[in-house]
Amino acid sequence: MSREAIVAGLSGIFFGVLVGWILGAQSGRRPAAGVLPPAAQAQAPGRGAPDAPPLDVARATELESRARSEPGNANLRADLGNLYMDAKRFDLAVPWYEAALQINPRDVSVSTDLAVCYYSTNQIDRALAQIDRSLAIDPNHVKTIFNQGVIRAWGREDLAGAIESWERVVALDPDGDDGRRAKAAIDTLKSHPPVAAGS
């Protein structure tokens, strides 16, 4: 399973829950600030999510051994981050992505994967700050901007900010998967805008 599949899976879960959240907000029931979608809630530090593929422990051990013997190899550290992220062990992916970025701070994909891991471990401020670092490297990185929208919507309940991010995704990738998902999320929000409690 690729990192893109993990991110797409999280965004798919996000979209399904977004619809329920919007409809729930119509009746005045809103989640508490900082509540994560179910995939992230299931990810307690130190454990894989229930639906996660099994971690390839032998591969992790091999890569960690190689990483110790090659302290300047950013790719090995990114590979370890990817391995843990693919198994939805976001807490274990974080230090490897951080180490990869210490060596190669301009790798936008690793930077954005790190932001997703921060978000998936309920570190919302760090996730948004990491997204900003990714966008400083590549202001038009579609997957980064899409994830910025997800984090704004779920991490901050900033739906206007989420729509702004997703509108950029649609403009940059109108015919791609991210563009289509972003457009669907925008359309859902605009057709069912949340109503403040007590309205």
N, C-alpha and C. Protein backbone atom coordinates (compact mmCIF):
# COMPACT_ATOMS: atom_id res chain seq x y z
N MET A 1 0.85 -1.18 0.00
CA MET A 1 0.00 0.00 0.00
C MET A 1 0.89 1.23 0.00
N SER A 2 0.64 2.19 -0.86
CA SER A 2 1.47 3.39 -0.96
C SER A 2 1.02 4.45 0.02
N ARG A 3 1.91 5.43 0.26
CA ARG A 3 1.54 6.55 1.11
C ARG A 3 0.36 7.29 0.52
N GLU A 4 0.31 7.38 -0.82
CA GLU A 4 -0.81 8.06 -1.47
C GLU A 4 -2.12 7.34 -1.15
N ALA A 5 -2.07 5.99 -1.09
CA ALA A 5 -3.28 5.24 -0.76
C ALA A 5 -3.72 5.50 0.67
N ILE A 6 -2.76 5.61 1.58
CA ILE A 6 -3.09 5.92 2.97
C ILE A 6 -3.77 7.28 3.05
N VAL A 7 -3.15 8.29 2.39
CA VAL A 7 -3.72 9.63 2.42
C VAL A 7 -5.08 9.64 1.75
N ALA A 8 -5.21 8.94 0.62
CA ALA A 8 -6.51 8.87 -0.06
C ALA A 8 -7.53 8.18 0.83
N GLY A 9 -7.11 7.13 1.54
CA GLY A 9 -8.03 6.45 2.44
C GLY A 9 -8.49 7.35 3.56
N LEU A 10 -7.56 8.08 4.16
CA LEU A 10 -7.94 9.03 5.21
C LEU A 10 -8.88 10.09 4.67
N SER A 11 -8.59 10.57 3.45
CA SER A 11 -9.46 11.61 2.89
C SER A 11 -10.82 11.03 2.53
N GLY A 12 -10.86 9.76 2.12
CA GLY A 12 -12.15 9.12 1.83
C GLY A 12 -12.98 8.98 3.10
N ILE A 13 -12.34 8.55 4.18
CA ILE A 13 -13.03 8.45 5.46
C ILE A 13 -13.46 9.84 5.89
N PHE A 14 -12.55 10.79 5.73
CA PHE A 14 -12.88 12.18 6.09
C PHE A 14 -14.12 12.65 5.35
N PHE A 15 -14.20 12.39 4.04
CA PHE A 15 -15.32 12.87 3.26
C PHE A 15 -16.63 12.25 3.74
N GLY A 16 -16.61 10.95 3.99
CA GLY A 16 -17.83 10.29 4.48
C GLY A 16 -18.26 10.84 5.82
N VAL A 17 -17.30 11.05 6.72
CA VAL A 17 -17.64 11.57 8.03
C VAL A 17 -18.01 13.04 7.94
N LEU A 18 -17.40 13.76 6.99
CA LEU A 18 -17.72 15.17 6.80
C LEU A 18 -19.21 15.34 6.52
N VAL A 19 -19.75 14.49 5.66
CA VAL A 19 -21.18 14.58 5.34
C VAL A 19 -22.00 14.40 6.61
N GLY A 20 -21.66 13.37 7.41
CA GLY A 20 -22.39 13.13 8.66
C GLY A 20 -22.22 14.28 9.64
N TRP A 21 -21.03 14.83 9.68
CA TRP A 21 -20.76 15.94 10.59
C TRP A 21 -21.59 17.15 10.20
N ILE A 22 -21.63 17.45 8.91
CA ILE A 22 -22.41 18.59 8.45
C ILE A 22 -23.88 18.38 8.78
N LEU A 23 -24.39 17.18 8.48
CA LEU A 23 -25.80 16.91 8.75
C LEU A 23 -26.07 16.93 10.24
N GLY A 24 -25.13 16.44 11.04
CA GLY A 24 -25.28 16.50 12.49
C GLY A 24 -25.28 17.94 12.99
N ALA A 25 -24.46 18.78 12.37
CA ALA A 25 -24.40 20.19 12.76
C ALA A 25 -25.72 20.89 12.47
N GLN A 26 -26.46 20.38 11.48
CA GLN A 26 -27.76 20.97 11.16
C GLN A 26 -28.68 20.89 12.37
N SER A 27 -28.53 19.82 13.16
CA SER A 27 -29.41 19.66 14.31
C SER A 27 -28.76 20.16 15.60
N GLY A 28 -27.65 20.88 15.45
CA GLY A 28 -27.00 21.47 16.62
C GLY A 28 -26.00 20.57 17.30
N ARG A 29 -25.74 19.37 16.78
CA ARG A 29 -24.75 18.47 17.37
C ARG A 29 -23.46 18.61 16.59
N ARG A 30 -22.43 19.14 17.24
CA ARG A 30 -21.14 19.30 16.60
C ARG A 30 -20.09 18.59 17.43
N PRO A 31 -19.06 18.05 16.78
CA PRO A 31 -17.99 17.42 17.56
C PRO A 31 -17.19 18.47 18.31
N ALA A 32 -16.55 18.05 19.36
CA ALA A 32 -15.68 18.96 20.09
C ALA A 32 -14.51 19.37 19.22
N ALA A 33 -13.98 20.56 19.47
CA ALA A 33 -12.84 21.04 18.69
C ALA A 33 -11.70 20.06 18.81
N GLY A 34 -11.01 19.83 17.72
CA GLY A 34 -9.86 18.95 17.72
C GLY A 34 -10.20 17.48 17.55
N VAL A 35 -11.47 17.15 17.38
CA VAL A 35 -11.84 15.75 17.21
C VAL A 35 -11.38 15.28 15.84
N LEU A 36 -10.76 14.12 15.79
CA LEU A 36 -10.26 13.57 14.55
C LEU A 36 -11.26 12.62 13.93
N PRO A 37 -11.13 12.37 12.63
CA PRO A 37 -11.98 11.36 12.03
C PRO A 37 -11.66 9.98 12.62
N PRO A 38 -12.57 9.00 12.43
CA PRO A 38 -12.41 7.70 13.08
C PRO A 38 -11.07 7.03 12.83
N ALA A 39 -10.51 7.15 11.62
CA ALA A 39 -9.23 6.50 11.35
C ALA A 39 -8.15 7.01 12.28
N ALA A 40 -8.17 8.32 12.54
CA ALA A 40 -7.15 8.89 13.42
C ALA A 40 -7.47 8.59 14.88
N GLN A 41 -8.76 8.58 15.26
CA GLN A 41 -9.11 8.26 16.63
C GLN A 41 -8.68 6.84 16.99
N ALA A 42 -8.76 5.93 16.01
CA ALA A 42 -8.40 4.54 16.27
C ALA A 42 -6.91 4.37 16.47
N GLN A 43 -6.13 5.38 16.02
CA GLN A 43 -4.68 5.27 16.08
C GLN A 43 -4.17 5.82 17.41
N ALA A 44 -4.16 5.00 18.43
CA ALA A 44 -3.56 5.41 19.69
C ALA A 44 -2.05 5.27 19.57
N PRO A 45 -1.28 6.17 20.21
CA PRO A 45 0.17 6.06 20.12
C PRO A 45 0.64 4.67 20.53
N GLY A 46 1.52 4.12 19.72
CA GLY A 46 2.11 2.82 20.02
C GLY A 46 1.35 1.63 19.48
N ARG A 47 0.20 1.87 18.83
CA ARG A 47 -0.57 0.75 18.29
C ARG A 47 -0.97 1.06 16.87
N GLY A 48 -1.08 0.03 16.05
CA GLY A 48 -1.59 0.22 14.70
C GLY A 48 -3.11 0.33 14.75
N ALA A 49 -3.68 1.00 13.75
CA ALA A 49 -5.13 1.08 13.66
C ALA A 49 -5.68 -0.31 13.37
N PRO A 50 -6.92 -0.58 13.78
CA PRO A 50 -7.47 -1.94 13.63
C PRO A 50 -7.46 -2.45 12.20
N ASP A 51 -7.67 -1.58 11.22
CA ASP A 51 -7.72 -2.03 9.83
C ASP A 51 -6.39 -1.90 9.11
N ALA A 52 -5.32 -1.66 9.86
CA ALA A 52 -4.02 -1.44 9.26
C ALA A 52 -3.43 -2.75 8.74
N PRO A 53 -2.71 -2.69 7.62
CA PRO A 53 -1.99 -3.89 7.20
C PRO A 53 -0.90 -4.20 8.22
N PRO A 54 -0.51 -5.46 8.33
CA PRO A 54 0.51 -5.79 9.34
C PRO A 54 1.85 -5.14 9.01
N LEU A 55 2.53 -4.75 10.05
CA LEU A 55 3.85 -4.17 9.90
C LEU A 55 4.84 -5.27 9.53
N ASP A 56 5.65 -5.02 8.51
CA ASP A 56 6.71 -5.95 8.11
C ASP A 56 7.89 -5.72 9.05
N VAL A 57 7.88 -6.45 10.16
CA VAL A 57 8.89 -6.24 11.20
C VAL A 57 10.29 -6.56 10.69
N ALA A 58 10.43 -7.60 9.90
CA ALA A 58 11.75 -7.95 9.37
C ALA A 58 12.30 -6.82 8.50
N ARG A 59 11.45 -6.26 7.67
CA ARG A 59 11.87 -5.14 6.81
C ARG A 59 12.22 -3.92 7.66
N ALA A 60 11.42 -3.65 8.70
CA ALA A 60 11.71 -2.51 9.58
C ALA A 60 13.05 -2.70 10.27
N THR A 61 13.32 -3.91 10.75
CA THR A 61 14.58 -4.20 11.43
C THR A 61 15.76 -4.02 10.48
N GLU A 62 15.59 -4.51 9.26
CA GLU A 62 16.66 -4.37 8.26
C GLU A 62 16.93 -2.90 7.94
N LEU A 63 15.87 -2.14 7.70
CA LEU A 63 16.05 -0.72 7.37
C LEU A 63 16.64 0.06 8.53
N GLU A 64 16.20 -0.25 9.75
CA GLU A 64 16.75 0.45 10.91
C GLU A 64 18.23 0.15 11.08
N SER A 65 18.64 -1.10 10.83
CA SER A 65 20.06 -1.45 10.90
C SER A 65 20.87 -0.68 9.86
N ARG A 66 20.35 -0.63 8.65
CA ARG A 66 21.02 0.12 7.59
C ARG A 66 21.07 1.61 7.91
N ALA A 67 19.99 2.15 8.48
CA ALA A 67 19.96 3.58 8.82
C ALA A 67 21.02 3.92 9.85
N ARG A 68 21.23 3.01 10.83
CA ARG A 68 22.28 3.25 11.83
C ARG A 68 23.66 3.28 11.19
N SER A 69 23.86 2.46 10.16
CA SER A 69 25.18 2.41 9.53
C SER A 69 25.35 3.47 8.44
N GLU A 70 24.26 4.13 8.05
CA GLU A 70 24.33 5.18 7.04
C GLU A 70 23.64 6.44 7.56
N PRO A 71 24.29 7.14 8.47
CA PRO A 71 23.64 8.28 9.14
C PRO A 71 23.25 9.44 8.22
N GLY A 72 23.84 9.52 7.05
CA GLY A 72 23.51 10.61 6.14
C GLY A 72 22.52 10.24 5.06
N ASN A 73 21.90 9.07 5.14
CA ASN A 73 21.01 8.60 4.09
C ASN A 73 19.56 8.99 4.39
N ALA A 74 19.11 10.07 3.77
CA ALA A 74 17.73 10.55 3.97
C ALA A 74 16.72 9.56 3.40
N ASN A 75 17.05 8.94 2.28
CA ASN A 75 16.10 8.02 1.64
C ASN A 75 15.77 6.82 2.53
N LEU A 76 16.77 6.29 3.23
CA LEU A 76 16.52 5.17 4.15
C LEU A 76 15.55 5.58 5.25
N ARG A 77 15.73 6.78 5.76
CA ARG A 77 14.86 7.26 6.82
C ARG A 77 13.44 7.49 6.30
N ALA A 78 13.34 8.02 5.10
CA ALA A 78 12.03 8.20 4.48
C ALA A 78 11.37 6.85 4.22
N ASP A 79 12.18 5.86 3.79
CA ASP A 79 11.62 4.52 3.57
C ASP A 79 11.06 3.93 4.86
N LEU A 80 11.75 4.16 5.97
CA LEU A 80 11.24 3.68 7.26
C LEU A 80 9.95 4.41 7.63
N GLY A 81 9.93 5.71 7.41
CA GLY A 81 8.70 6.45 7.65
C GLY A 81 7.56 5.91 6.82
N ASN A 82 7.85 5.62 5.55
CA ASN A 82 6.82 5.08 4.65
C ASN A 82 6.33 3.72 5.13
N LEU A 83 7.26 2.88 5.58
CA LEU A 83 6.90 1.54 6.05
C LEU A 83 5.94 1.64 7.24
N TYR A 84 6.28 2.51 8.19
CA TYR A 84 5.42 2.67 9.37
C TYR A 84 4.10 3.35 9.00
N MET A 85 4.15 4.31 8.11
CA MET A 85 2.92 4.98 7.71
C MET A 85 1.98 4.01 6.98
N ASP A 86 2.55 3.18 6.11
CA ASP A 86 1.73 2.20 5.39
C ASP A 86 1.02 1.26 6.36
N ALA A 87 1.65 0.98 7.50
CA ALA A 87 1.04 0.13 8.53
C ALA A 87 0.19 0.95 9.51
N LYS A 88 0.03 2.23 9.21
CA LYS A 88 -0.73 3.16 10.05
C LYS A 88 -0.14 3.25 11.46
N ARG A 89 1.15 3.08 11.55
CA ARG A 89 1.87 3.30 12.82
C ARG A 89 2.47 4.69 12.75
N PHE A 90 1.57 5.68 12.74
CA PHE A 90 1.97 7.07 12.51
C PHE A 90 2.96 7.57 13.55
N ASP A 91 2.77 7.12 14.80
CA ASP A 91 3.67 7.54 15.88
C ASP A 91 5.10 7.07 15.62
N LEU A 92 5.26 5.91 15.00
CA LEU A 92 6.60 5.39 14.71
C LEU A 92 7.16 5.99 13.42
N ALA A 93 6.30 6.44 12.54
CA ALA A 93 6.77 7.08 11.30
C ALA A 93 7.36 8.46 11.57
N VAL A 94 6.79 9.16 12.54
CA VAL A 94 7.20 10.56 12.78
C VAL A 94 8.70 10.73 12.94
N PRO A 95 9.38 10.00 13.85
CA PRO A 95 10.82 10.29 14.02
C PRO A 95 11.65 10.00 12.77
N TRP A 96 11.21 9.05 11.96
CA TRP A 96 11.98 8.74 10.74
C TRP A 96 11.79 9.83 9.68
N TYR A 97 10.57 10.33 9.54
CA TYR A 97 10.37 11.45 8.62
C TYR A 97 11.12 12.69 9.11
N GLU A 98 11.08 12.92 10.42
CA GLU A 98 11.81 14.07 10.96
C GLU A 98 13.31 13.93 10.68
N ALA A 99 13.84 12.73 10.86
CA ALA A 99 15.27 12.50 10.61
C ALA A 99 15.59 12.67 9.13
N ALA A 100 14.70 12.21 8.25
CA ALA A 100 14.93 12.38 6.81
C ALA A 100 14.97 13.86 6.45
N LEU A 101 14.09 14.64 7.07
CA LEU A 101 14.04 16.08 6.76
C LEU A 101 15.23 16.83 7.34
N GLN A 102 15.82 16.32 8.41
CA GLN A 102 17.04 16.96 8.93
C GLN A 102 18.16 16.86 7.89
N ILE A 103 18.16 15.78 7.14
CA ILE A 103 19.19 15.57 6.12
C ILE A 103 18.81 16.26 4.82
N ASN A 104 17.56 16.14 4.42
CA ASN A 104 17.08 16.73 3.17
C ASN A 104 15.80 17.53 3.45
N PRO A 105 15.95 18.77 3.92
CA PRO A 105 14.78 19.55 4.35
C PRO A 105 13.87 20.00 3.22
N ARG A 106 14.26 19.81 1.96
CA ARG A 106 13.44 20.29 0.85
C ARG A 106 12.63 19.18 0.17
N ASP A 107 12.50 18.04 0.81
CA ASP A 107 11.70 16.95 0.24
C ASP A 107 10.23 17.18 0.61
N VAL A 108 9.48 17.76 -0.32
CA VAL A 108 8.10 18.17 -0.04
C VAL A 108 7.21 16.97 0.27
N SER A 109 7.44 15.84 -0.38
CA SER A 109 6.60 14.67 -0.12
C SER A 109 6.80 14.15 1.30
N VAL A 110 8.04 14.07 1.74
CA VAL A 110 8.32 13.63 3.11
C VAL A 110 7.75 14.63 4.11
N SER A 111 7.89 15.92 3.80
CA SER A 111 7.36 16.95 4.69
C SER A 111 5.85 16.83 4.85
N THR A 112 5.16 16.58 3.74
CA THR A 112 3.70 16.44 3.80
C THR A 112 3.30 15.14 4.48
N ASP A 113 4.03 14.06 4.24
CA ASP A 113 3.75 12.81 4.95
C ASP A 113 3.91 13.01 6.45
N LEU A 114 4.92 13.78 6.85
CA LEU A 114 5.11 14.07 8.27
C LEU A 114 3.91 14.85 8.82
N ALA A 115 3.41 15.81 8.04
CA ALA A 115 2.23 16.57 8.47
C ALA A 115 1.03 15.64 8.68
N VAL A 116 0.84 14.69 7.76
CA VAL A 116 -0.27 13.73 7.89
C VAL A 116 -0.10 12.90 9.17
N CYS A 117 1.14 12.51 9.46
CA CYS A 117 1.39 11.73 10.68
C CYS A 117 1.13 12.57 11.93
N TYR A 118 1.53 13.84 11.92
CA TYR A 118 1.22 14.70 13.06
C TYR A 118 -0.29 14.79 13.24
N TYR A 119 -0.99 15.02 12.15
CA TYR A 119 -2.45 15.12 12.21
C TYR A 119 -3.07 13.82 12.73
N SER A 120 -2.56 12.69 12.27
CA SER A 120 -3.11 11.40 12.64
C SER A 120 -2.79 11.01 14.08
N THR A 121 -1.88 11.74 14.71
CA THR A 121 -1.59 11.53 16.13
C THR A 121 -2.06 12.74 16.95
N ASN A 122 -3.02 13.49 16.38
CA ASN A 122 -3.69 14.59 17.07
C ASN A 122 -2.75 15.73 17.47
N GLN A 123 -1.75 15.99 16.64
CA GLN A 123 -0.85 17.12 16.85
C GLN A 123 -1.18 18.16 15.77
N ILE A 124 -2.32 18.82 15.95
CA ILE A 124 -2.88 19.66 14.89
C ILE A 124 -2.00 20.87 14.59
N ASP A 125 -1.52 21.57 15.61
CA ASP A 125 -0.67 22.74 15.38
C ASP A 125 0.59 22.35 14.61
N ARG A 126 1.19 21.25 15.01
CA ARG A 126 2.41 20.79 14.32
C ARG A 126 2.09 20.39 12.88
N ALA A 127 0.94 19.78 12.68
CA ALA A 127 0.55 19.37 11.33
C ALA A 127 0.41 20.59 10.42
N LEU A 128 -0.29 21.61 10.90
CA LEU A 128 -0.48 22.81 10.08
C LEU A 128 0.84 23.54 9.84
N ALA A 129 1.70 23.58 10.85
CA ALA A 129 3.01 24.22 10.67
C ALA A 129 3.84 23.45 9.65
N GLN A 130 3.74 22.12 9.67
CA GLN A 130 4.49 21.32 8.70
C GLN A 130 3.93 21.51 7.30
N ILE A 131 2.61 21.63 7.18
CA ILE A 131 2.00 21.94 5.88
C ILE A 131 2.55 23.26 5.36
N ASP A 132 2.67 24.25 6.22
CA ASP A 132 3.23 25.55 5.80
C ASP A 132 4.66 25.38 5.29
N ARG A 133 5.44 24.52 5.96
CA ARG A 133 6.82 24.28 5.49
C ARG A 133 6.81 23.60 4.13
N SER A 134 5.89 22.65 3.94
CA SER A 134 5.78 22.00 2.63
C SER A 134 5.45 23.00 1.54
N LEU A 135 4.51 23.90 1.83
CA LEU A 135 4.10 24.88 0.82
C LEU A 135 5.17 25.93 0.58
N ALA A 136 6.05 26.14 1.55
CA ALA A 136 7.19 27.04 1.31
C ALA A 136 8.15 26.41 0.30
N ILE A 137 8.23 25.09 0.28
CA ILE A 137 9.07 24.38 -0.69
C ILE A 137 8.40 24.38 -2.06
N ASP A 138 7.10 24.05 -2.10
CA ASP A 138 6.36 23.97 -3.36
C ASP A 138 4.94 24.50 -3.12
N PRO A 139 4.69 25.77 -3.44
CA PRO A 139 3.38 26.37 -3.15
C PRO A 139 2.22 25.72 -3.90
N ASN A 140 2.50 24.95 -4.95
CA ASN A 140 1.44 24.34 -5.75
C ASN A 140 1.39 22.82 -5.62
N HIS A 141 1.91 22.28 -4.54
CA HIS A 141 1.92 20.83 -4.34
C HIS A 141 0.50 20.39 -3.98
N VAL A 142 -0.17 19.72 -4.91
CA VAL A 142 -1.60 19.44 -4.80
C VAL A 142 -1.93 18.62 -3.56
N LYS A 143 -1.17 17.55 -3.30
CA LYS A 143 -1.49 16.69 -2.16
C LYS A 143 -1.32 17.46 -0.84
N THR A 144 -0.35 18.35 -0.79
CA THR A 144 -0.17 19.17 0.41
C THR A 144 -1.37 20.07 0.63
N ILE A 145 -1.82 20.72 -0.43
CA ILE A 145 -2.94 21.65 -0.31
C ILE A 145 -4.22 20.90 0.04
N PHE A 146 -4.41 19.72 -0.57
CA PHE A 146 -5.59 18.92 -0.23
C PHE A 146 -5.58 18.58 1.26
N ASN A 147 -4.42 18.12 1.76
CA ASN A 147 -4.32 17.75 3.17
C ASN A 147 -4.45 18.96 4.07
N GLN A 148 -4.02 20.13 3.61
CA GLN A 148 -4.24 21.35 4.38
C GLN A 148 -5.75 21.54 4.61
N GLY A 149 -6.54 21.31 3.57
CA GLY A 149 -7.99 21.42 3.71
C GLY A 149 -8.55 20.44 4.72
N VAL A 150 -8.07 19.19 4.66
CA VAL A 150 -8.54 18.17 5.60
C VAL A 150 -8.21 18.59 7.04
N ILE A 151 -6.99 19.04 7.26
CA ILE A 151 -6.57 19.41 8.61
C ILE A 151 -7.32 20.65 9.08
N ARG A 152 -7.53 21.61 8.17
CA ARG A 152 -8.30 22.79 8.56
C ARG A 152 -9.73 22.39 8.95
N ALA A 153 -10.34 21.52 8.15
CA ALA A 153 -11.74 21.14 8.42
C ALA A 153 -11.85 20.35 9.71
N TRP A 154 -11.02 19.30 9.87
CA TRP A 154 -11.17 18.41 11.01
C TRP A 154 -10.39 18.86 12.22
N GLY A 155 -9.20 19.37 12.00
CA GLY A 155 -8.38 19.76 13.14
C GLY A 155 -8.79 21.08 13.75
N ARG A 156 -9.32 21.97 12.92
CA ARG A 156 -9.65 23.31 13.39
C ARG A 156 -11.13 23.68 13.21
N GLU A 157 -11.91 22.83 12.58
CA GLU A 157 -13.30 23.15 12.24
C GLU A 157 -13.37 24.47 11.47
N ASP A 158 -12.36 24.72 10.67
CA ASP A 158 -12.27 25.93 9.84
C ASP A 158 -12.75 25.57 8.44
N LEU A 159 -14.07 25.57 8.26
CA LEU A 159 -14.61 25.13 6.98
C LEU A 159 -14.33 26.13 5.87
N ALA A 160 -14.32 27.42 6.19
CA ALA A 160 -13.99 28.42 5.17
C ALA A 160 -12.56 28.22 4.70
N GLY A 161 -11.66 27.98 5.63
CA GLY A 161 -10.26 27.71 5.27
C GLY A 161 -10.11 26.44 4.47
N ALA A 162 -10.88 25.41 4.84
CA ALA A 162 -10.84 24.14 4.10
C ALA A 162 -11.31 24.36 2.67
N ILE A 163 -12.40 25.09 2.50
CA ILE A 163 -12.90 25.36 1.15
C ILE A 163 -11.86 26.13 0.34
N GLU A 164 -11.22 27.08 0.96
CA GLU A 164 -10.17 27.85 0.27
C GLU A 164 -9.07 26.91 -0.24
N SER A 165 -8.64 25.99 0.61
CA SER A 165 -7.60 25.03 0.20
C SER A 165 -8.10 24.17 -0.95
N TRP A 166 -9.30 23.63 -0.80
CA TRP A 166 -9.82 22.72 -1.82
C TRP A 166 -10.11 23.42 -3.14
N GLU A 167 -10.48 24.70 -3.08
CA GLU A 167 -10.67 25.44 -4.33
C GLU A 167 -9.33 25.57 -5.08
N ARG A 168 -8.25 25.73 -4.34
CA ARG A 168 -6.92 25.74 -4.97
C ARG A 168 -6.61 24.40 -5.61
N VAL A 169 -6.97 23.31 -4.91
CA VAL A 169 -6.74 21.97 -5.46
C VAL A 169 -7.51 21.81 -6.76
N VAL A 170 -8.76 22.21 -6.78
CA VAL A 170 -9.58 22.10 -7.99
C VAL A 170 -8.96 22.90 -9.12
N ALA A 171 -8.46 24.09 -8.82
CA ALA A 171 -7.84 24.93 -9.85
C ALA A 171 -6.57 24.29 -10.39
N LEU A 172 -5.79 23.65 -9.52
CA LEU A 172 -4.53 23.06 -9.93
C LEU A 172 -4.69 21.68 -10.56
N ASP A 173 -5.72 20.94 -10.17
CA ASP A 173 -5.87 19.53 -10.58
C ASP A 173 -7.33 19.23 -10.90
N PRO A 174 -7.93 19.97 -11.86
CA PRO A 174 -9.38 19.83 -12.08
C PRO A 174 -9.82 18.45 -12.50
N ASP A 175 -8.97 17.69 -13.18
CA ASP A 175 -9.37 16.38 -13.69
C ASP A 175 -8.74 15.22 -12.92
N GLY A 176 -7.97 15.52 -11.90
CA GLY A 176 -7.30 14.47 -11.13
C GLY A 176 -8.15 14.01 -9.95
N ASP A 177 -7.70 12.93 -9.31
CA ASP A 177 -8.43 12.38 -8.16
C ASP A 177 -8.56 13.39 -7.04
N ASP A 178 -7.46 14.10 -6.73
CA ASP A 178 -7.52 15.08 -5.64
C ASP A 178 -8.48 16.21 -5.99
N GLY A 179 -8.44 16.66 -7.23
CA GLY A 179 -9.35 17.71 -7.65
C GLY A 179 -10.80 17.29 -7.55
N ARG A 180 -11.09 16.05 -7.94
CA ARG A 180 -12.48 15.56 -7.86
C ARG A 180 -12.93 15.42 -6.41
N ARG A 181 -12.05 14.89 -5.55
CA ARG A 181 -12.42 14.78 -4.13
C ARG A 181 -12.63 16.15 -3.50
N ALA A 182 -11.75 17.09 -3.86
CA ALA A 182 -11.88 18.44 -3.32
C ALA A 182 -13.18 19.09 -3.77
N LYS A 183 -13.52 18.91 -5.03
CA LYS A 183 -14.77 19.49 -5.55
C LYS A 183 -15.98 18.88 -4.85
N ALA A 184 -15.95 17.56 -4.63
CA ALA A 184 -17.07 16.90 -3.95
C ALA A 184 -17.21 17.43 -2.52
N ALA A 185 -16.09 17.63 -1.82
CA ALA A 185 -16.16 18.16 -0.45
C ALA A 185 -16.71 19.58 -0.45
N ILE A 186 -16.25 20.40 -1.40
CA ILE A 186 -16.75 21.78 -1.50
C ILE A 186 -18.25 21.77 -1.77
N ASP A 187 -18.67 20.97 -2.73
CA ASP A 187 -20.09 20.91 -3.09
C ASP A 187 -20.93 20.49 -1.90
N THR A 188 -20.43 19.52 -1.12
CA THR A 188 -21.16 19.06 0.06
C THR A 188 -21.30 20.17 1.09
N LEU A 189 -20.21 20.86 1.35
CA LEU A 189 -20.25 21.95 2.33
C LEU A 189 -21.18 23.06 1.87
N LYS A 190 -21.14 23.38 0.60
CA LYS A 190 -21.95 24.49 0.11
C LYS A 190 -23.43 24.12 0.03
N SER A 191 -23.73 22.85 -0.21
CA SER A 191 -25.14 22.45 -0.31
C SER A 191 -25.74 22.14 1.06
N HIS A 192 -24.90 21.87 2.06
CA HIS A 192 -25.36 21.59 3.42
C HIS A 192 -24.51 22.37 4.42
N PRO A 193 -24.56 23.70 4.36
CA PRO A 193 -23.69 24.46 5.30
C PRO A 193 -24.08 24.19 6.75
N PRO A 194 -23.09 24.01 7.62
CA PRO A 194 -23.41 23.79 9.03
C PRO A 194 -24.18 24.97 9.61
N VAL A 195 -25.08 24.66 10.52
CA VAL A 195 -25.87 25.69 11.19
C VAL A 195 -25.38 25.75 12.62
N ALA A 196 -25.15 26.94 13.12
CA ALA A 196 -24.68 27.08 14.48
C ALA A 196 -25.71 26.52 15.45
N ALA A 197 -25.22 25.94 16.53
CA ALA A 197 -26.11 25.38 17.55
C ALA A 197 -27.05 26.46 18.06
N GLY A 198 -28.32 26.11 18.20
CA GLY A 198 -29.31 27.06 18.69
C GLY A 198 -29.97 27.87 17.60
N SER A 199 -29.51 27.69 16.33
CA SER A 199 -30.11 28.46 15.23
C SER A 199 -31.42 27.85 14.81
